[in-house]
């Protein structure tokens, strides 16, 4: 079995944590695309039925708030990973 020095182990752990933080931030792409798609469809809906503007916008904003939560969770995980290795 290969034995590593404590410095090498710390370096490997730091590199893995930073790589994990980068992968966590890739999750920010999904909410951005989904929110853009939802906003585009809401604009189409308002163009077709201007009298339902309030209901369409309310539903769109509620859906975007739920979709954004995944992006916020990934940001929190990335920040925790980065600042955990800093200490």
PDB file of N, CA and C in Angstrom:
ATOM      1  N   UNK A   1       0.837  -1.174   0.000  1.00  0.00           N
ATOM      2  CA  UNK A   1       0.000   0.000   0.000  1.00  0.00           C
ATOM      3  C   UNK A   1       0.887   1.244   0.000  1.00  0.00           C
ATOM      4  N   UNK A   2       0.469   2.239  -0.727  1.00  0.00           N
ATOM      5  CA  UNK A   2       1.235   3.477  -0.807  1.00  0.00           C
ATOM      6  C   UNK A   2       0.849   4.378   0.359  1.00  0.00           C
ATOM      7  N   UNK A   3       1.829   4.935   0.999  1.00  0.00           N
ATOM      8  CA  UNK A   3       1.572   5.852   2.108  1.00  0.00           C
ATOM      9  C   UNK A   3       1.978   7.255   1.680  1.00  0.00           C
ATOM     10  N   UNK A   4       1.105   8.205   1.958  1.00  0.00           N
ATOM     11  CA  UNK A   4       1.349   9.593   1.604  1.00  0.00           C
ATOM     12  C   UNK A   4       1.666  10.388   2.853  1.00  0.00           C
ATOM     13  N   UNK A   5       2.421  11.446   2.659  1.00  0.00           N
ATOM     14  CA  UNK A   5       2.708  12.337   3.775  1.00  0.00           C
ATOM     15  C   UNK A   5       1.461  13.190   4.061  1.00  0.00           C
ATOM     16  N   UNK A   6       1.370  13.748   5.245  1.00  0.00           N
ATOM     17  CA  UNK A   6       0.204  14.587   5.574  1.00  0.00           C
ATOM     18  C   UNK A   6       0.045  15.787   4.628  1.00  0.00           C
ATOM     19  N   UNK A   7       1.151  16.332   4.135  1.00  0.00           N
ATOM     20  CA  UNK A   7       1.058  17.468   3.218  1.00  0.00           C
ATOM     21  C   UNK A   7       0.408  17.051   1.904  1.00  0.00           C
ATOM     22  N   UNK A   8       0.764  15.873   1.408  1.00  0.00           N
ATOM     23  CA  UNK A   8       0.184  15.381   0.159  1.00  0.00           C
ATOM     24  C   UNK A   8      -1.296  15.089   0.347  1.00  0.00           C
ATOM     25  N   UNK A   9      -1.656  14.517   1.475  1.00  0.00           N
ATOM     26  CA  UNK A   9      -3.066  14.227   1.751  1.00  0.00           C
ATOM     27  C   UNK A   9      -3.866  15.517   1.827  1.00  0.00           C
ATOM     28  N   UNK A  10      -3.335  16.548   2.484  1.00  0.00           N
ATOM     29  CA  UNK A  10      -4.019  17.843   2.554  1.00  0.00           C
ATOM     30  C   UNK A  10      -4.184  18.454   1.166  1.00  0.00           C
ATOM     31  N   UNK A  11      -3.180  18.318   0.320  1.00  0.00           N
ATOM     32  CA  UNK A  11      -3.258  18.850  -1.040  1.00  0.00           C
ATOM     33  C   UNK A  11      -4.325  18.124  -1.848  1.00  0.00           C
ATOM     34  N   UNK A  12      -4.390  16.811  -1.721  1.00  0.00           N
ATOM     35  CA  UNK A  12      -5.395  16.032  -2.434  1.00  0.00           C
ATOM     36  C   UNK A  12      -6.799  16.402  -1.973  1.00  0.00           C
ATOM     37  N   UNK A  13      -6.974  16.553  -0.667  1.00  0.00           N
ATOM     38  CA  UNK A  13      -8.285  16.927  -0.135  1.00  0.00           C
ATOM     39  C   UNK A  13      -8.682  18.321  -0.614  1.00  0.00           C
ATOM     40  N   UNK A  14      -7.744  19.253  -0.625  1.00  0.00           N
ATOM     41  CA  UNK A  14      -8.041  20.608  -1.091  1.00  0.00           C
ATOM     42  C   UNK A  14      -8.415  20.606  -2.568  1.00  0.00           C
ATOM     43  N   UNK A  15      -7.673  19.849  -3.367  1.00  0.00           N
ATOM     44  CA  UNK A  15      -7.968  19.787  -4.799  1.00  0.00           C
ATOM     45  C   UNK A  15      -9.340  19.161  -5.045  1.00  0.00           C
ATOM     46  N   UNK A  16      -9.669  18.107  -4.308  1.00  0.00           N
ATOM     47  CA  UNK A  16     -10.974  17.464  -4.468  1.00  0.00           C
ATOM     48  C   UNK A  16     -12.106  18.390  -4.044  1.00  0.00           C
ATOM     49  N   UNK A  17     -11.903  19.155  -2.978  1.00  0.00           N
ATOM     50  CA  UNK A  17     -12.939  20.087  -2.522  1.00  0.00           C
ATOM     51  C   UNK A  17     -13.161  21.192  -3.548  1.00  0.00           C
ATOM     52  N   UNK A  18     -12.089  21.714  -4.124  1.00  0.00           N
ATOM     53  CA  UNK A  18     -12.239  22.762  -5.135  1.00  0.00           C
ATOM     54  C   UNK A  18     -12.870  22.213  -6.408  1.00  0.00           C
ATOM     55  N   UNK A  19     -12.524  21.012  -6.775  1.00  0.00           N
ATOM     56  CA  UNK A  19     -13.144  20.378  -7.939  1.00  0.00           C
ATOM     57  C   UNK A  19     -14.640  20.154  -7.685  1.00  0.00           C
ATOM     58  N   UNK A  20     -14.979  19.721  -6.485  1.00  0.00           N
ATOM     59  CA  UNK A  20     -16.383  19.549  -6.124  1.00  0.00           C
ATOM     60  C   UNK A  20     -17.143  20.862  -6.142  1.00  0.00           C
ATOM     61  N   UNK A  21     -16.494  21.942  -5.712  1.00  0.00           N
ATOM     62  CA  UNK A  21     -17.138  23.259  -5.753  1.00  0.00           C
ATOM     63  C   UNK A  21     -17.404  23.677  -7.192  1.00  0.00           C
ATOM     64  N   UNK A  22     -16.464  23.386  -8.067  1.00  0.00           N
ATOM     65  CA  UNK A  22     -16.676  23.702  -9.485  1.00  0.00           C
ATOM     66  C   UNK A  22     -17.823  22.911 -10.073  1.00  0.00           C
ATOM     67  N   UNK A  23     -17.894  21.613  -9.741  1.00  0.00           N
ATOM     68  CA  UNK A  23     -19.002  20.795 -10.217  1.00  0.00           C
ATOM     69  C   UNK A  23     -20.328  21.278  -9.645  1.00  0.00           C
ATOM     70  N   UNK A  24     -20.328  21.734  -8.415  1.00  0.00           N
ATOM     71  CA  UNK A  24     -21.558  22.239  -7.805  1.00  0.00           C
ATOM     72  C   UNK A  24     -22.050  23.482  -8.536  1.00  0.00           C
ATOM     73  N   UNK A  25     -21.136  24.309  -9.007  1.00  0.00           N
ATOM     74  CA  UNK A  25     -21.553  25.530  -9.696  1.00  0.00           C
ATOM     75  C   UNK A  25     -22.066  25.260 -11.115  1.00  0.00           C
ATOM     76  N   UNK A  26     -21.755  24.086 -11.657  1.00  0.00           N
ATOM     77  CA  UNK A  26     -22.337  23.727 -12.954  1.00  0.00           C
ATOM     78  C   UNK A  26     -23.852  23.621 -12.823  1.00  0.00           C
ATOM     79  N   UNK A  27     -24.319  23.300 -11.631  1.00  0.00           N
ATOM     80  CA  UNK A  27     -25.758  23.206 -11.390  1.00  0.00           C
ATOM     81  C   UNK A  27     -26.451  24.557 -11.563  1.00  0.00           C
ATOM     82  N   UNK A  28     -25.697  25.659 -11.589  1.00  0.00           N
ATOM     83  CA  UNK A  28     -26.288  26.979 -11.805  1.00  0.00           C
ATOM     84  C   UNK A  28     -26.758  27.204 -13.229  1.00  0.00           C
ATOM     85  N   UNK A  29     -26.331  26.362 -14.157  1.00  0.00           N
ATOM     86  CA  UNK A  29     -26.734  26.515 -15.554  1.00  0.00           C
ATOM     87  C   UNK A  29     -28.206  26.150 -15.737  1.00  0.00           C
ATOM     88  N   UNK A  30     -28.634  25.078 -15.080  1.00  0.00           N
ATOM     89  CA  UNK A  30     -30.004  24.595 -15.232  1.00  0.00           C
ATOM     90  C   UNK A  30     -31.071  25.611 -14.856  1.00  0.00           C
ATOM     91  N   UNK A  31     -30.983  26.211 -13.665  1.00  0.00           N
ATOM     92  CA  UNK A  31     -31.999  27.207 -13.312  1.00  0.00           C
ATOM     93  C   UNK A  31     -32.016  28.410 -14.253  1.00  0.00           C
ATOM     94  N   UNK A  32     -30.845  28.809 -14.728  1.00  0.00           N
ATOM     95  CA  UNK A  32     -30.800  29.949 -15.654  1.00  0.00           C
ATOM     96  C   UNK A  32     -31.531  29.659 -16.951  1.00  0.00           C
ATOM     97  N   UNK A  33     -31.288  28.484 -17.502  1.00  0.00           N
ATOM     98  CA  UNK A  33     -31.961  28.091 -18.746  1.00  0.00           C
ATOM     99  C   UNK A  33     -33.461  27.939 -18.500  1.00  0.00           C
ATOM    100  N   UNK A  34     -33.823  27.285 -17.411  1.00  0.00           N
ATOM    101  CA  UNK A  34     -35.237  27.073 -17.112  1.00  0.00           C
ATOM    102  C   UNK A  34     -35.997  28.363 -16.870  1.00  0.00           C
ATOM    103  N   UNK A  35     -35.372  29.306 -16.187  1.00  0.00           N
ATOM    104  CA  UNK A  35     -36.043  30.574 -15.927  1.00  0.00           C
ATOM    105  C   UNK A  35     -36.206  31.386 -17.211  1.00  0.00           C
ATOM    106  N   UNK A  36     -35.210  31.336 -18.064  1.00  0.00           N
ATOM    107  CA  UNK A  36     -35.335  32.033 -19.345  1.00  0.00           C
ATOM    108  C   UNK A  36     -36.453  31.446 -20.188  1.00  0.00           C
ATOM    109  N   UNK A  37     -36.544  30.124 -20.198  1.00  0.00           N
ATOM    110  CA  UNK A  37     -37.602  29.453 -20.948  1.00  0.00           C
ATOM    111  C   UNK A  37     -38.974  29.822 -20.373  1.00  0.00           C
ATOM    112  N   UNK A  38     -39.091  29.818 -19.041  1.00  0.00           N
ATOM    113  CA  UNK A  38     -40.366  30.151 -18.395  1.00  0.00           C
ATOM    114  C   UNK A  38     -40.772  31.596 -18.678  1.00  0.00           C
ATOM    115  N   UNK A  39     -39.807  32.503 -18.653  1.00  0.00           N
ATOM    116  CA  UNK A  39     -40.123  33.907 -18.940  1.00  0.00           C
ATOM    117  C   UNK A  39     -40.570  34.076 -20.380  1.00  0.00           C
ATOM    118  N   UNK A  40     -39.916  33.369 -21.299  1.00  0.00           N
ATOM    119  CA  UNK A  40     -40.320  33.448 -22.710  1.00  0.00           C
ATOM    120  C   UNK A  40     -41.731  32.935 -22.924  1.00  0.00           C
ATOM    121  N   UNK A  41     -42.056  31.818 -22.270  1.00  0.00           N
ATOM    122  CA  UNK A  41     -43.408  31.276 -22.398  1.00  0.00           C
ATOM    123  C   UNK A  41     -44.440  32.192 -21.731  1.00  0.00           C
ATOM    124  N   UNK A  42     -44.058  32.859 -20.653  1.00  0.00           N
ATOM    125  CA  UNK A  42     -44.980  33.802 -20.006  1.00  0.00           C
ATOM    126  C   UNK A  42     -45.262  34.987 -20.926  1.00  0.00           C
ATOM    127  N   UNK A  43     -44.235  35.458 -21.613  1.00  0.00           N
ATOM    128  CA  UNK A  43     -44.441  36.563 -22.563  1.00  0.00           C
ATOM    129  C   UNK A  43     -45.376  36.122 -23.686  1.00  0.00           C
ATOM    130  N   UNK A  44     -45.207  34.897 -24.180  1.00  0.00           N
ATOM    131  CA  UNK A  44     -46.103  34.379 -25.207  1.00  0.00           C
ATOM    132  C   UNK A  44     -47.533  34.286 -24.679  1.00  0.00           C
ATOM    133  N   UNK A  45     -47.681  33.836 -23.433  1.00  0.00           N
ATOM    134  CA  UNK A  45     -49.010  33.728 -22.841  1.00  0.00           C
ATOM    135  C   UNK A  45     -49.680  35.077 -22.681  1.00  0.00           C
ATOM    136  N   UNK A  46     -48.924  36.080 -22.265  1.00  0.00           N
ATOM    137  CA  UNK A  46     -49.485  37.428 -22.115  1.00  0.00           C
ATOM    138  C   UNK A  46     -49.840  38.005 -23.483  1.00  0.00           C
ATOM    139  N   UNK A  47     -49.038  37.687 -24.493  1.00  0.00           N
ATOM    140  CA  UNK A  47     -49.338  38.185 -25.835  1.00  0.00           C
ATOM    141  C   UNK A  47     -50.637  37.564 -26.367  1.00  0.00           C
ATOM    142  N   UNK A  48     -50.889  36.318 -26.007  1.00  0.00           N
ATOM    143  CA  UNK A  48     -52.113  35.658 -26.475  1.00  0.00           C
ATOM    144  C   UNK A  48     -53.338  36.078 -25.674  1.00  0.00           C
ATOM    145  N   UNK A  49     -53.165  36.246 -24.361  1.00  0.00           N
ATOM    146  CA  UNK A  49     -54.289  36.611 -23.492  1.00  0.00           C
ATOM    147  C   UNK A  49     -53.873  37.740 -22.551  1.00  0.00           C
ATOM    148  N   UNK A  50     -53.921  38.964 -23.028  1.00  0.00           N
ATOM    149  CA  UNK A  50     -53.488  40.090 -22.179  1.00  0.00           C
ATOM    150  C   UNK A  50     -54.318  40.249 -20.900  1.00  0.00           C
ATOM    151  N   UNK A  51     -55.560  39.785 -20.912  1.00  0.00           N
ATOM    152  CA  UNK A  51     -56.395  39.932 -19.719  1.00  0.00           C
ATOM    153  C   UNK A  51     -55.956  39.016 -18.583  1.00  0.00           C
ATOM    154  N   UNK A  52     -55.167  37.962 -18.880  1.00  0.00           N
ATOM    155  CA  UNK A  52     -54.694  37.040 -17.850  1.00  0.00           C
ATOM    156  C   UNK A  52     -53.270  37.376 -17.400  1.00  0.00           C
ATOM    157  N   UNK A  53     -52.843  38.606 -17.668  1.00  0.00           N
ATOM    158  CA  UNK A  53     -51.464  39.016 -17.385  1.00  0.00           C
ATOM    159  C   UNK A  53     -51.075  38.798 -15.920  1.00  0.00           C
ATOM    160  N   UNK A  54     -51.904  39.193 -14.991  1.00  0.00           N
ATOM    161  CA  UNK A  54     -51.587  39.076 -13.563  1.00  0.00           C
ATOM    162  C   UNK A  54     -51.384  37.637 -13.120  1.00  0.00           C
ATOM    163  N   UNK A  55     -52.307  36.766 -13.543  1.00  0.00           N
ATOM    164  CA  UNK A  55     -52.185  35.355 -13.170  1.00  0.00           C
ATOM    165  C   UNK A  55     -50.946  34.712 -13.793  1.00  0.00           C
ATOM    166  N   UNK A  56     -50.659  35.049 -15.036  1.00  0.00           N
ATOM    167  CA  UNK A  56     -49.502  34.463 -15.722  1.00  0.00           C
ATOM    168  C   UNK A  56     -48.208  34.891 -15.047  1.00  0.00           C
ATOM    169  N   UNK A  57     -48.098  36.170 -14.741  1.00  0.00           N
ATOM    170  CA  UNK A  57     -46.867  36.680 -14.122  1.00  0.00           C
ATOM    171  C   UNK A  57     -46.699  36.111 -12.713  1.00  0.00           C
ATOM    172  N   UNK A  58     -47.786  36.005 -11.956  1.00  0.00           N
ATOM    173  CA  UNK A  58     -47.702  35.437 -10.610  1.00  0.00           C
ATOM    174  C   UNK A  58     -47.230  33.990 -10.654  1.00  0.00           C
ATOM    175  N   UNK A  59     -47.811  33.211 -11.546  1.00  0.00           N
ATOM    176  CA  UNK A  59     -47.416  31.808 -11.680  1.00  0.00           C
ATOM    177  C   UNK A  59     -45.976  31.679 -12.145  1.00  0.00           C
ATOM    178  N   UNK A  60     -45.564  32.533 -13.087  1.00  0.00           N
ATOM    179  CA  UNK A  60     -44.190  32.499 -13.581  1.00  0.00           C
ATOM    180  C   UNK A  60     -43.201  32.824 -12.463  1.00  0.00           C
ATOM    181  N   UNK A  61     -43.467  33.844 -11.695  1.00  0.00           N
ATOM    182  CA  UNK A  61     -42.556  34.222 -10.617  1.00  0.00           C
ATOM    183  C   UNK A  61     -42.470  33.151  -9.535  1.00  0.00           C
ATOM    184  N   UNK A  62     -43.584  32.507  -9.219  1.00  0.00           N
ATOM    185  CA  UNK A  62     -43.568  31.424  -8.241  1.00  0.00           C
ATOM    186  C   UNK A  62     -42.729  30.250  -8.753  1.00  0.00           C
ATOM    187  N   UNK A  63     -42.912  29.903 -10.014  1.00  0.00           N
ATOM    188  CA  UNK A  63     -42.118  28.823 -10.605  1.00  0.00           C
ATOM    189  C   UNK A  63     -40.639  29.154 -10.677  1.00  0.00           C
ATOM    190  N   UNK A  64     -40.314  30.394 -10.973  1.00  0.00           N
ATOM    191  CA  UNK A  64     -38.911  30.795 -11.027  1.00  0.00           C
ATOM    192  C   UNK A  64     -38.274  30.800  -9.640  1.00  0.00           C
ATOM    193  N   UNK A  65     -39.035  31.151  -8.625  1.00  0.00           N
ATOM    194  CA  UNK A  65     -38.492  31.125  -7.259  1.00  0.00           C
ATOM    195  C   UNK A  65     -38.166  29.701  -6.835  1.00  0.00           C
ATOM    196  N   UNK A  66     -39.025  28.766  -7.196  1.00  0.00           N
ATOM    197  CA  UNK A  66     -38.774  27.365  -6.871  1.00  0.00           C
ATOM    198  C   UNK A  66     -37.570  26.848  -7.654  1.00  0.00           C
ATOM    199  N   UNK A  67     -37.484  27.210  -8.936  1.00  0.00           N
ATOM    200  CA  UNK A  67     -36.369  26.760  -9.770  1.00  0.00           C
ATOM    201  C   UNK A  67     -35.045  27.354  -9.300  1.00  0.00           C
ATOM    202  N   UNK A  68     -35.070  28.569  -8.809  1.00  0.00           N
ATOM    203  CA  UNK A  68     -33.835  29.235  -8.377  1.00  0.00           C
ATOM    204  C   UNK A  68     -33.269  28.603  -7.107  1.00  0.00           C
ATOM    205  N   UNK A  69     -34.108  27.939  -6.335  1.00  0.00           N
ATOM    206  CA  UNK A  69     -33.621  27.349  -5.092  1.00  0.00           C
ATOM    207  C   UNK A  69     -32.511  26.326  -5.347  1.00  0.00           C
ATOM    208  N   UNK A  70     -32.572  25.585  -6.455  1.00  0.00           N
ATOM    209  CA  UNK A  70     -31.504  24.617  -6.742  1.00  0.00           C
ATOM    210  C   UNK A  70     -30.190  25.324  -7.021  1.00  0.00           C
ATOM    211  N   UNK A  71     -30.241  26.452  -7.698  1.00  0.00           N
ATOM    212  CA  UNK A  71     -29.028  27.226  -7.941  1.00  0.00           C
ATOM    213  C   UNK A  71     -28.447  27.794  -6.659  1.00  0.00           C
ATOM    214  N   UNK A  72     -29.309  28.223  -5.757  1.00  0.00           N
ATOM    215  CA  UNK A  72     -28.845  28.760  -4.474  1.00  0.00           C
ATOM    216  C   UNK A  72     -28.231  27.653  -3.623  1.00  0.00           C
ATOM    217  N   UNK A  73     -28.842  26.472  -3.642  1.00  0.00           N
ATOM    218  CA  UNK A  73     -28.278  25.341  -2.894  1.00  0.00           C
ATOM    219  C   UNK A  73     -26.893  24.985  -3.409  1.00  0.00           C
ATOM    220  N   UNK A  74     -26.725  24.976  -4.726  1.00  0.00           N
ATOM    221  CA  UNK A  74     -25.406  24.643  -5.281  1.00  0.00           C
ATOM    222  C   UNK A  74     -24.383  25.716  -4.924  1.00  0.00           C
ATOM    223  N   UNK A  75     -24.791  26.963  -4.883  1.00  0.00           N
ATOM    224  CA  UNK A  75     -23.882  28.037  -4.485  1.00  0.00           C
ATOM    225  C   UNK A  75     -23.460  27.877  -3.026  1.00  0.00           C
ATOM    226  N   UNK A  76     -24.407  27.543  -2.166  1.00  0.00           N
ATOM    227  CA  UNK A  76     -24.091  27.340  -0.744  1.00  0.00           C
ATOM    228  C   UNK A  76     -23.121  26.176  -0.574  1.00  0.00           C
ATOM    229  N   UNK A  77     -23.354  25.094  -1.302  1.00  0.00           N
ATOM    230  CA  UNK A  77     -22.452  23.936  -1.212  1.00  0.00           C
ATOM    231  C   UNK A  77     -21.059  24.314  -1.688  1.00  0.00           C
ATOM    232  N   UNK A  78     -20.969  25.060  -2.773  1.00  0.00           N
ATOM    233  CA  UNK A  78     -19.658  25.472  -3.283  1.00  0.00           C
ATOM    234  C   UNK A  78     -18.932  26.369  -2.284  1.00  0.00           C
ATOM    235  N   UNK A  79     -19.639  27.295  -1.677  1.00  0.00           N
ATOM    236  CA  UNK A  79     -19.019  28.190  -0.697  1.00  0.00           C
ATOM    237  C   UNK A  79     -18.548  27.406   0.523  1.00  0.00           C
ATOM    238  N   UNK A  80     -19.371  26.459   0.986  1.00  0.00           N
ATOM    239  CA  UNK A  80     -18.970  25.638   2.133  1.00  0.00           C
ATOM    240  C   UNK A  80     -17.722  24.844   1.793  1.00  0.00           C
ATOM    241  N   UNK A  81     -17.665  24.246   0.610  1.00  0.00           N
ATOM    242  CA  UNK A  81     -16.479  23.478   0.215  1.00  0.00           C
ATOM    243  C   UNK A  81     -15.244  24.350   0.147  1.00  0.00           C
ATOM    244  N   UNK A  82     -15.368  25.534  -0.408  1.00  0.00           N
ATOM    245  CA  UNK A  82     -14.207  26.413  -0.551  1.00  0.00           C
ATOM    246  C   UNK A  82     -13.703  26.889   0.812  1.00  0.00           C
ATOM    247  N   UNK A  83     -14.617  27.333   1.676  1.00  0.00           N
ATOM    248  CA  UNK A  83     -14.167  27.899   2.954  1.00  0.00           C
ATOM    249  C   UNK A  83     -13.856  26.845   3.997  1.00  0.00           C
ATOM    250  N   UNK A  84     -14.287  25.613   3.774  1.00  0.00           N
ATOM    251  CA  UNK A  84     -13.918  24.534   4.698  1.00  0.00           C
ATOM    252  C   UNK A  84     -12.457  24.199   4.559  1.00  0.00           C
ATOM    253  N   UNK A  85     -11.938  24.223   3.335  1.00  0.00           N
ATOM    254  CA  UNK A  85     -10.522  23.879   3.134  1.00  0.00           C
ATOM    255  C   UNK A  85      -9.624  25.044   3.480  1.00  0.00           C
ATOM    256  N   UNK A  86     -10.179  26.245   3.563  1.00  0.00           N
ATOM    257  CA  UNK A  86      -9.363  27.418   3.859  1.00  0.00           C
ATOM    258  C   UNK A  86      -8.965  27.467   5.331  1.00  0.00           C
ATOM    259  N   UNK A  87      -9.707  26.788   6.175  1.00  0.00           N
ATOM    260  CA  UNK A  87      -9.399  26.839   7.608  1.00  0.00           C
ATOM    261  C   UNK A  87      -8.505  25.727   8.050  1.00  0.00           C
TER     262      UNK A  87
END
